[in-house]
């Protein structure tokens, strides 16, 4: 059976500068193992698979895979899947919002300033990071413990620990240890001087299916939880723009807004490739 697919560039500043996402339509007949195999073969940070919604409030249901596992929620797959669904002719039940069903439940999306944005989901785990774990994070990042200004659990699905450094330059200067004895999901953020095009630089490090440390080009889930932390602690004011992927040669741009309903995470989305999956 042939299934349509799209490859979408998400959170880009210009085409081919964001995070690529493969979106496979009509995937309800594929097994979880099939989805994982396809994701590993494509070798993108995530691929998504559209299946019929089980909740009557949802416009579509998406399953999100990394090459290692299925995730209940992830940010750039949420924006990229919504873009692909709309580009393929999807029509929302509501004129002002799109509702995505995923492992984390229902996620609301809107168009804000010509881009798609999702409502940051509630955190599954928050609060301070125990000192032993923080020492382990410092060793992974290969920085002195004293360089870490603050850290928080910022887990909205992937399991992030968010680390604050003094500046964007310190974030960009990180050269973490590549071999890891166990899984890590670490996000690092540092501020730029006021008045520039971006307020913060972020980097996201995670352990892949082979036990190697990898860096994600642009990460919506991390930006969502970091925004909740920075805004809630008074370290940032919305709206602001975050930059990510710089060390990888990307120019990811994430637009953070806040209103009475919560934090919204947006970015540009463009379909770059269309085709058919013959599996």
C-alpha atoms as a PDB file:
ATOM      1  CA  UNK A   1       0.000   0.000   0.000  1.00  0.00           C
ATOM      2  CA  UNK A   2       1.295   3.437  -0.912  1.00  0.00           C
ATOM      3  CA  UNK A   3       0.980   6.184   1.685  1.00  0.00           C
ATOM      4  CA  UNK A   4       1.634   9.890   1.027  1.00  0.00           C
ATOM      5  CA  UNK A   5       4.383  11.552   3.001  1.00  0.00           C
ATOM      6  CA  UNK A   6       5.850  15.017   3.367  1.00  0.00           C
ATOM      7  CA  UNK A   7       9.188  16.226   4.711  1.00  0.00           C
ATOM      8  CA  UNK A   8       8.692  19.515   6.497  1.00  0.00           C
ATOM      9  CA  UNK A   9      11.328  22.041   7.602  1.00  0.00           C
ATOM     10  CA  UNK A  10      10.276  23.270  11.051  1.00  0.00           C
ATOM     11  CA  UNK A  11      11.430  26.330  13.015  1.00  0.00           C
ATOM     12  CA  UNK A  12      13.539  27.516  10.102  1.00  0.00           C
ATOM     13  CA  UNK A  13      14.810  31.022   9.417  1.00  0.00           C
ATOM     14  CA  UNK A  14      15.205  30.142   5.751  1.00  0.00           C
ATOM     15  CA  UNK A  15      14.597  26.804   3.977  1.00  0.00           C
ATOM     16  CA  UNK A  16      16.930  23.954   5.012  1.00  0.00           C
ATOM     17  CA  UNK A  17      17.929  25.749   8.213  1.00  0.00           C
ATOM     18  CA  UNK A  18      15.467  24.234  10.705  1.00  0.00           C
ATOM     19  CA  UNK A  19      14.690  20.686  11.833  1.00  0.00           C
ATOM     20  CA  UNK A  20      13.432  18.211   9.245  1.00  0.00           C
ATOM     21  CA  UNK A  21      10.386  16.059   9.954  1.00  0.00           C
ATOM     22  CA  UNK A  22       8.910  13.197   7.926  1.00  0.00           C
ATOM     23  CA  UNK A  23       5.104  12.959   8.152  1.00  0.00           C
ATOM     24  CA  UNK A  24       3.499   9.723   6.923  1.00  0.00           C
ATOM     25  CA  UNK A  25      -0.257   9.747   6.242  1.00  0.00           C
ATOM     26  CA  UNK A  26      -2.698   6.851   6.571  1.00  0.00           C
ATOM     27  CA  UNK A  27      -0.447   4.947   8.948  1.00  0.00           C
ATOM     28  CA  UNK A  28      -3.097   3.084  10.945  1.00  0.00           C
ATOM     29  CA  UNK A  29      -2.138  -0.260   9.366  1.00  0.00           C
ATOM     30  CA  UNK A  30       1.523   0.132  10.317  1.00  0.00           C
ATOM     31  CA  UNK A  31       2.720  -1.496  13.528  1.00  0.00           C
ATOM     32  CA  UNK A  32       4.752   0.335  16.139  1.00  0.00           C
ATOM     33  CA  UNK A  33       7.782  -1.657  15.000  1.00  0.00           C
ATOM     34  CA  UNK A  34       7.165  -0.586  11.383  1.00  0.00           C
ATOM     35  CA  UNK A  35       7.036   3.064  12.490  1.00  0.00           C
ATOM     36  CA  UNK A  36      10.261   2.712  14.464  1.00  0.00           C
ATOM     37  CA  UNK A  37      12.019   1.008  11.536  1.00  0.00           C
ATOM     38  CA  UNK A  38      10.934   3.747   9.121  1.00  0.00           C
ATOM     39  CA  UNK A  39      12.122   6.429  11.538  1.00  0.00           C
ATOM     40  CA  UNK A  40      15.517   4.777  11.942  1.00  0.00           C
ATOM     41  CA  UNK A  41      15.925   4.378   8.194  1.00  0.00           C
ATOM     42  CA  UNK A  42      15.053   8.020   7.495  1.00  0.00           C
ATOM     43  CA  UNK A  43      17.563   9.039  10.214  1.00  0.00           C
ATOM     44  CA  UNK A  44      15.800  12.277  11.105  1.00  0.00           C
ATOM     45  CA  UNK A  45      15.498  13.255  14.750  1.00  0.00           C
ATOM     46  CA  UNK A  46      11.774  12.413  14.579  1.00  0.00           C
ATOM     47  CA  UNK A  47       9.157  11.080  12.179  1.00  0.00           C
ATOM     48  CA  UNK A  48       5.397  11.166  12.689  1.00  0.00           C
ATOM     49  CA  UNK A  49       2.550   8.923  11.604  1.00  0.00           C
ATOM     50  CA  UNK A  50      -1.045  10.060  11.180  1.00  0.00           C
ATOM     51  CA  UNK A  51      -3.785   7.691  12.334  1.00  0.00           C
ATOM     52  CA  UNK A  52      -7.530   8.231  12.874  1.00  0.00           C
ATOM     53  CA  UNK A  53      -8.348  10.207  16.053  1.00  0.00           C
ATOM     54  CA  UNK A  54      -9.949   8.381  18.955  1.00  0.00           C
ATOM     55  CA  UNK A  55     -11.113  11.588  20.658  1.00  0.00           C
ATOM     56  CA  UNK A  56     -14.027  13.410  19.021  1.00  0.00           C
ATOM     57  CA  UNK A  57     -12.477  16.780  19.929  1.00  0.00           C
ATOM     58  CA  UNK A  58      -9.294  16.042  17.949  1.00  0.00           C
ATOM     59  CA  UNK A  59      -8.773  16.957  14.300  1.00  0.00           C
ATOM     60  CA  UNK A  60      -6.127  14.257  13.840  1.00  0.00           C
ATOM     61  CA  UNK A  61      -4.062  11.788  15.875  1.00  0.00           C
ATOM     62  CA  UNK A  62      -0.288  11.614  15.531  1.00  0.00           C
ATOM     63  CA  UNK A  63       2.245   9.093  16.782  1.00  0.00           C
ATOM     64  CA  UNK A  64       5.735  10.536  17.280  1.00  0.00           C
ATOM     65  CA  UNK A  65       8.904   8.450  16.961  1.00  0.00           C
ATOM     66  CA  UNK A  66      12.596   9.077  17.404  1.00  0.00           C
ATOM     67  CA  UNK A  67      15.071   6.456  16.090  1.00  0.00           C
ATOM     68  CA  UNK A  68      15.083   5.120  19.661  1.00  0.00           C
ATOM     69  CA  UNK A  69      11.484   5.204  20.938  1.00  0.00           C
ATOM     70  CA  UNK A  70       7.978   6.575  20.724  1.00  0.00           C
ATOM     71  CA  UNK A  71       7.363   9.905  22.481  1.00  0.00           C
ATOM     72  CA  UNK A  72       4.089  11.090  24.024  1.00  0.00           C
ATOM     73  CA  UNK A  73       4.811  14.642  22.863  1.00  0.00           C
ATOM     74  CA  UNK A  74       7.444  16.612  20.967  1.00  0.00           C
ATOM     75  CA  UNK A  75       7.380  20.163  19.684  1.00  0.00           C
ATOM     76  CA  UNK A  76       8.770  20.297  16.165  1.00  0.00           C
ATOM     77  CA  UNK A  77       6.789  17.137  15.236  1.00  0.00           C
ATOM     78  CA  UNK A  78       3.642  18.868  16.522  1.00  0.00           C
ATOM     79  CA  UNK A  79       4.141  21.943  14.330  1.00  0.00           C
ATOM     80  CA  UNK A  80       5.394  19.963  11.328  1.00  0.00           C
ATOM     81  CA  UNK A  81       2.554  17.438  11.457  1.00  0.00           C
ATOM     82  CA  UNK A  82      -0.057  20.168  11.735  1.00  0.00           C
ATOM     83  CA  UNK A  83       1.496  21.978   8.757  1.00  0.00           C
ATOM     84  CA  UNK A  84       1.518  18.792   6.663  1.00  0.00           C
ATOM     85  CA  UNK A  85      -2.063  17.929   7.653  1.00  0.00           C
ATOM     86  CA  UNK A  86      -3.263  21.407   6.635  1.00  0.00           C
ATOM     87  CA  UNK A  87      -1.211  21.319   3.417  1.00  0.00           C
ATOM     88  CA  UNK A  88      -2.881  18.010   2.523  1.00  0.00           C
ATOM     89  CA  UNK A  89      -6.317  19.615   2.855  1.00  0.00           C
ATOM     90  CA  UNK A  90      -7.089  19.009   6.531  1.00  0.00           C
ATOM     91  CA  UNK A  91      -9.971  21.069   7.918  1.00  0.00           C
ATOM     92  CA  UNK A  92     -10.250  21.885  11.607  1.00  0.00           C
ATOM     93  CA  UNK A  93     -13.468  21.530  13.583  1.00  0.00           C
ATOM     94  CA  UNK A  94     -12.885  25.098  14.835  1.00  0.00           C
ATOM     95  CA  UNK A  95     -12.047  28.152  12.749  1.00  0.00           C
ATOM     96  CA  UNK A  96      -9.539  29.549  15.256  1.00  0.00           C
ATOM     97  CA  UNK A  97      -7.713  26.417  16.459  1.00  0.00           C
ATOM     98  CA  UNK A  98      -6.472  22.977  15.439  1.00  0.00           C
ATOM     99  CA  UNK A  99      -6.517  20.185  18.032  1.00  0.00           C
ATOM    100  CA  UNK A 100      -3.933  17.413  17.863  1.00  0.00           C
ATOM    101  CA  UNK A 101      -4.290  14.116  19.662  1.00  0.00           C
ATOM    102  CA  UNK A 102      -1.041  12.439  20.733  1.00  0.00           C
ATOM    103  CA  UNK A 103       0.317  10.354  23.599  1.00  0.00           C
ATOM    104  CA  UNK A 104       0.243  13.389  25.898  1.00  0.00           C
ATOM    105  CA  UNK A 105      -3.444  14.035  25.201  1.00  0.00           C
ATOM    106  CA  UNK A 106      -4.917  16.950  23.277  1.00  0.00           C
ATOM    107  CA  UNK A 107      -2.600  19.757  22.098  1.00  0.00           C
ATOM    108  CA  UNK A 108      -4.030  23.052  20.851  1.00  0.00           C
ATOM    109  CA  UNK A 109      -2.488  24.901  17.907  1.00  0.00           C
ATOM    110  CA  UNK A 110      -3.115  28.361  16.468  1.00  0.00           C
ATOM    111  CA  UNK A 111      -1.862  30.599  13.728  1.00  0.00           C
ATOM    112  CA  UNK A 112       0.039  33.512  15.304  1.00  0.00           C
ATOM    113  CA  UNK A 113       1.587  36.198  13.080  1.00  0.00           C
ATOM    114  CA  UNK A 114       1.454  33.926  10.048  1.00  0.00           C
ATOM    115  CA  UNK A 115       3.109  30.934  11.756  1.00  0.00           C
ATOM    116  CA  UNK A 116       1.761  27.898  13.548  1.00  0.00           C
ATOM    117  CA  UNK A 117       2.147  27.775  17.323  1.00  0.00           C
ATOM    118  CA  UNK A 118       1.264  25.142  19.909  1.00  0.00           C
ATOM    119  CA  UNK A 119       0.167  25.616  23.498  1.00  0.00           C
ATOM    120  CA  UNK A 120       2.948  24.448  25.803  1.00  0.00           C
ATOM    121  CA  UNK A 121       1.638  21.339  27.583  1.00  0.00           C
ATOM    122  CA  UNK A 122       1.757  20.936  31.370  1.00  0.00           C
ATOM    123  CA  UNK A 123       5.017  19.587  32.733  1.00  0.00           C
ATOM    124  CA  UNK A 124       5.150  15.951  33.786  1.00  0.00           C
ATOM    125  CA  UNK A 125       8.016  16.777  36.125  1.00  0.00           C
ATOM    126  CA  UNK A 126       9.307  20.128  37.355  1.00  0.00           C
ATOM    127  CA  UNK A 127      11.282  21.513  40.270  1.00  0.00           C
ATOM    128  CA  UNK A 128      14.924  21.534  41.251  1.00  0.00           C
ATOM    129  CA  UNK A 129      17.442  18.914  40.153  1.00  0.00           C
ATOM    130  CA  UNK A 130      19.081  16.885  42.898  1.00  0.00           C
ATOM    131  CA  UNK A 131      22.741  17.736  43.388  1.00  0.00           C
ATOM    132  CA  UNK A 132      24.060  14.306  42.437  1.00  0.00           C
ATOM    133  CA  UNK A 133      22.182  14.427  39.135  1.00  0.00           C
ATOM    134  CA  UNK A 134      23.363  17.979  38.524  1.00  0.00           C
ATOM    135  CA  UNK A 135      26.993  16.931  39.032  1.00  0.00           C
ATOM    136  CA  UNK A 136      26.404  14.223  36.432  1.00  0.00           C
ATOM    137  CA  UNK A 137      24.958  16.821  34.037  1.00  0.00           C
ATOM    138  CA  UNK A 138      28.002  19.057  34.554  1.00  0.00           C
ATOM    139  CA  UNK A 139      30.318  16.132  33.721  1.00  0.00           C
ATOM    140  CA  UNK A 140      28.325  15.389  30.577  1.00  0.00           C
ATOM    141  CA  UNK A 141      28.516  19.023  29.466  1.00  0.00           C
ATOM    142  CA  UNK A 142      32.172  19.193  30.527  1.00  0.00           C
ATOM    143  CA  UNK A 143      31.685  22.395  32.503  1.00  0.00           C
ATOM    144  CA  UNK A 144      32.496  23.277  36.083  1.00  0.00           C
ATOM    145  CA  UNK A 145      29.510  22.883  38.392  1.00  0.00           C
ATOM    146  CA  UNK A 146      29.893  26.561  39.351  1.00  0.00           C
ATOM    147  CA  UNK A 147      29.146  27.585  35.731  1.00  0.00           C
ATOM    148  CA  UNK A 148      25.581  26.310  36.070  1.00  0.00           C
ATOM    149  CA  UNK A 149      23.513  29.292  37.236  1.00  0.00           C
ATOM    150  CA  UNK A 150      20.368  27.258  37.769  1.00  0.00           C
ATOM    151  CA  UNK A 151      18.737  24.008  36.636  1.00  0.00           C
ATOM    152  CA  UNK A 152      15.217  22.608  36.611  1.00  0.00           C
ATOM    153  CA  UNK A 153      13.396  19.486  35.589  1.00  0.00           C
ATOM    154  CA  UNK A 154      11.548  20.586  32.459  1.00  0.00           C
ATOM    155  CA  UNK A 155       9.959  17.315  31.399  1.00  0.00           C
ATOM    156  CA  UNK A 156       6.917  17.603  29.138  1.00  0.00           C
ATOM    157  CA  UNK A 157       7.434  14.219  27.490  1.00  0.00           C
ATOM    158  CA  UNK A 158      11.036  13.667  26.355  1.00  0.00           C
ATOM    159  CA  UNK A 159      12.430  14.022  29.907  1.00  0.00           C
ATOM    160  CA  UNK A 160      14.409  17.264  29.731  1.00  0.00           C
ATOM    161  CA  UNK A 161      16.635  18.691  32.416  1.00  0.00           C
ATOM    162  CA  UNK A 162      17.075  22.403  31.630  1.00  0.00           C
ATOM    163  CA  UNK A 163      20.358  24.099  32.536  1.00  0.00           C
ATOM    164  CA  UNK A 164      20.950  27.851  32.603  1.00  0.00           C
ATOM    165  CA  UNK A 165      24.420  29.244  31.807  1.00  0.00           C
ATOM    166  CA  UNK A 166      25.496  32.864  32.078  1.00  0.00           C
ATOM    167  CA  UNK A 167      25.507  33.678  28.364  1.00  0.00           C
ATOM    168  CA  UNK A 168      24.715  32.471  24.875  1.00  0.00           C
ATOM    169  CA  UNK A 169      28.458  32.391  24.169  1.00  0.00           C
ATOM    170  CA  UNK A 170      28.945  29.867  26.983  1.00  0.00           C
ATOM    171  CA  UNK A 171      26.160  27.728  25.526  1.00  0.00           C
ATOM    172  CA  UNK A 172      27.724  27.850  22.057  1.00  0.00           C
ATOM    173  CA  UNK A 173      31.126  26.979  23.503  1.00  0.00           C
ATOM    174  CA  UNK A 174      30.002  23.651  24.982  1.00  0.00           C
ATOM    175  CA  UNK A 175      31.720  20.476  23.780  1.00  0.00           C
ATOM    176  CA  UNK A 176      29.985  17.724  25.760  1.00  0.00           C
ATOM    177  CA  UNK A 177      31.218  14.190  26.319  1.00  0.00           C
ATOM    178  CA  UNK A 178      29.973  11.984  23.490  1.00  0.00           C
ATOM    179  CA  UNK A 179      29.931   8.637  25.291  1.00  0.00           C
ATOM    180  CA  UNK A 180      27.307   8.193  28.006  1.00  0.00           C
ATOM    181  CA  UNK A 181      26.826   5.337  30.485  1.00  0.00           C
ATOM    182  CA  UNK A 182      23.041   5.967  30.525  1.00  0.00           C
ATOM    183  CA  UNK A 183      20.366   8.027  28.812  1.00  0.00           C
ATOM    184  CA  UNK A 184      20.486  11.814  29.152  1.00  0.00           C
ATOM    185  CA  UNK A 185      18.145  14.520  27.877  1.00  0.00           C
ATOM    186  CA  UNK A 186      19.758  17.882  28.630  1.00  0.00           C
ATOM    187  CA  UNK A 187      18.712  21.294  27.380  1.00  0.00           C
ATOM    188  CA  UNK A 188      21.015  24.263  27.856  1.00  0.00           C
ATOM    189  CA  UNK A 189      20.010  27.929  27.599  1.00  0.00           C
ATOM    190  CA  UNK A 190      21.915  31.203  27.885  1.00  0.00           C
ATOM    191  CA  UNK A 191      20.928  34.834  27.251  1.00  0.00           C
ATOM    192  CA  UNK A 192      22.153  37.068  24.444  1.00  0.00           C
ATOM    193  CA  UNK A 193      22.870  40.757  25.136  1.00  0.00           C
ATOM    194  CA  UNK A 194      19.704  42.836  25.030  1.00  0.00           C
ATOM    195  CA  UNK A 195      18.623  44.305  21.720  1.00  0.00           C
ATOM    196  CA  UNK A 196      19.736  41.503  19.406  1.00  0.00           C
ATOM    197  CA  UNK A 197      17.587  39.415  17.060  1.00  0.00           C
ATOM    198  CA  UNK A 198      17.360  36.553  19.589  1.00  0.00           C
ATOM    199  CA  UNK A 199      16.990  36.711  23.355  1.00  0.00           C
ATOM    200  CA  UNK A 200      18.384  33.237  24.119  1.00  0.00           C
ATOM    201  CA  UNK A 201      20.494  30.480  22.572  1.00  0.00           C
ATOM    202  CA  UNK A 202      19.487  26.880  23.273  1.00  0.00           C
ATOM    203  CA  UNK A 203      21.124  23.526  22.671  1.00  0.00           C
ATOM    204  CA  UNK A 204      19.547  20.112  23.184  1.00  0.00           C
ATOM    205  CA  UNK A 205      21.588  16.955  23.840  1.00  0.00           C
ATOM    206  CA  UNK A 206      20.119  13.447  23.997  1.00  0.00           C
ATOM    207  CA  UNK A 207      21.265   9.834  23.931  1.00  0.00           C
ATOM    208  CA  UNK A 208      20.424   7.976  20.737  1.00  0.00           C
ATOM    209  CA  UNK A 209      19.554   4.298  20.256  1.00  0.00           C
ATOM    210  CA  UNK A 210      23.267   3.409  20.074  1.00  0.00           C
ATOM    211  CA  UNK A 211      24.177   5.083  23.361  1.00  0.00           C
ATOM    212  CA  UNK A 212      25.839   8.068  21.669  1.00  0.00           C
ATOM    213  CA  UNK A 213      25.213  11.686  22.594  1.00  0.00           C
ATOM    214  CA  UNK A 214      23.574  13.664  19.790  1.00  0.00           C
ATOM    215  CA  UNK A 215      22.496  17.263  19.392  1.00  0.00           C
ATOM    216  CA  UNK A 216      19.039  18.111  18.081  1.00  0.00           C
ATOM    217  CA  UNK A 217      18.894  21.011  15.578  1.00  0.00           C
ATOM    218  CA  UNK A 218      15.743  22.703  16.911  1.00  0.00           C
ATOM    219  CA  UNK A 219      13.581  21.392  19.740  1.00  0.00           C
ATOM    220  CA  UNK A 220      10.039  22.606  20.341  1.00  0.00           C
ATOM    221  CA  UNK A 221       9.398  20.590  23.510  1.00  0.00           C
ATOM    222  CA  UNK A 222      12.545  21.977  25.157  1.00  0.00           C
ATOM    223  CA  UNK A 223      11.747  25.534  24.104  1.00  0.00           C
ATOM    224  CA  UNK A 224       8.240  25.121  25.527  1.00  0.00           C
ATOM    225  CA  UNK A 225       9.372  23.939  28.951  1.00  0.00           C
ATOM    226  CA  UNK A 226      12.292  26.378  29.087  1.00  0.00           C
ATOM    227  CA  UNK A 227       9.923  29.245  28.226  1.00  0.00           C
ATOM    228  CA  UNK A 228       7.604  28.208  31.053  1.00  0.00           C
ATOM    229  CA  UNK A 229      10.601  28.217  33.410  1.00  0.00           C
ATOM    230  CA  UNK A 230      12.146  31.495  32.230  1.00  0.00           C
ATOM    231  CA  UNK A 231       8.834  33.359  32.134  1.00  0.00           C
ATOM    232  CA  UNK A 232       7.693  31.937  35.456  1.00  0.00           C
ATOM    233  CA  UNK A 233      10.971  32.884  37.176  1.00  0.00           C
ATOM    234  CA  UNK A 234      11.025  36.404  35.704  1.00  0.00           C
ATOM    235  CA  UNK A 235      14.151  35.763  33.624  1.00  0.00           C
ATOM    236  CA  UNK A 236      12.322  36.469  30.369  1.00  0.00           C
ATOM    237  CA  UNK A 237       9.398  38.502  29.093  1.00  0.00           C
ATOM    238  CA  UNK A 238       7.186  37.468  26.196  1.00  0.00           C
ATOM    239  CA  UNK A 239       7.196  37.794  23.316  1.00  0.00           C
ATOM    240  CA  UNK A 240      10.771  36.747  22.629  1.00  0.00           C
ATOM    241  CA  UNK A 241      12.705  34.860  19.964  1.00  0.00           C
ATOM    242  CA  UNK A 242      15.050  31.968  20.752  1.00  0.00           C
ATOM    243  CA  UNK A 243      17.850  30.673  18.537  1.00  0.00           C
ATOM    244  CA  UNK A 244      18.906  27.029  18.264  1.00  0.00           C
ATOM    245  CA  UNK A 245      21.045  24.869  15.981  1.00  0.00           C
ATOM    246  CA  UNK A 246      23.822  27.412  15.481  1.00  0.00           C
ATOM    247  CA  UNK A 247      26.659  24.968  16.214  1.00  0.00           C
ATOM    248  CA  UNK A 248      25.144  22.529  13.697  1.00  0.00           C
ATOM    249  CA  UNK A 249      25.034  25.083  10.901  1.00  0.00           C
ATOM    250  CA  UNK A 250      21.288  25.633  11.299  1.00  0.00           C
ATOM    251  CA  UNK A 251      19.443  28.848  12.064  1.00  0.00           C
ATOM    252  CA  UNK A 252      16.431  27.692  14.015  1.00  0.00           C
ATOM    253  CA  UNK A 253      14.122  30.434  15.240  1.00  0.00           C
ATOM    254  CA  UNK A 254      11.469  29.814  17.872  1.00  0.00           C
ATOM    255  CA  UNK A 255       8.851  32.459  18.653  1.00  0.00           C
ATOM    256  CA  UNK A 256       7.556  32.513  22.229  1.00  0.00           C
ATOM    257  CA  UNK A 257       4.310  34.271  23.124  1.00  0.00           C
ATOM    258  CA  UNK A 258       2.210  34.295  26.266  1.00  0.00           C
ATOM    259  CA  UNK A 259      -1.413  35.170  26.954  1.00  0.00           C
ATOM    260  CA  UNK A 260      -4.010  34.433  29.613  1.00  0.00           C
ATOM    261  CA  UNK A 261      -4.290  30.864  28.313  1.00  0.00           C
ATOM    262  CA  UNK A 262      -0.607  30.026  28.610  1.00  0.00           C
ATOM    263  CA  UNK A 263       2.667  29.916  26.677  1.00  0.00           C
ATOM    264  CA  UNK A 264       2.639  29.481  22.882  1.00  0.00           C
ATOM    265  CA  UNK A 265       5.592  28.123  20.906  1.00  0.00           C
ATOM    266  CA  UNK A 266       5.687  28.965  17.201  1.00  0.00           C
ATOM    267  CA  UNK A 267       7.895  28.902  14.158  1.00  0.00           C
ATOM    268  CA  UNK A 268       7.975  28.815  10.382  1.00  0.00           C
ATOM    269  CA  UNK A 269       7.021  25.537   8.686  1.00  0.00           C
ATOM    270  CA  UNK A 270       7.558  24.650   5.014  1.00  0.00           C
ATOM    271  CA  UNK A 271       7.023  21.402   3.091  1.00  0.00           C
ATOM    272  CA  UNK A 272      10.215  20.746   1.116  1.00  0.00           C
ATOM    273  CA  UNK A 273       9.527  17.234  -0.244  1.00  0.00           C
ATOM    274  CA  UNK A 274       6.428  15.191  -1.075  1.00  0.00           C
ATOM    275  CA  UNK A 275       6.167  11.577  -2.151  1.00  0.00           C
ATOM    276  CA  UNK A 276       4.780   8.130  -1.408  1.00  0.00           C
ATOM    277  CA  UNK A 277       5.835   5.546   1.125  1.00  0.00           C
ATOM    278  CA  UNK A 278       5.450   2.067  -0.374  1.00  0.00           C
ATOM    279  CA  UNK A 279       5.486   0.195   2.946  1.00  0.00           C
END
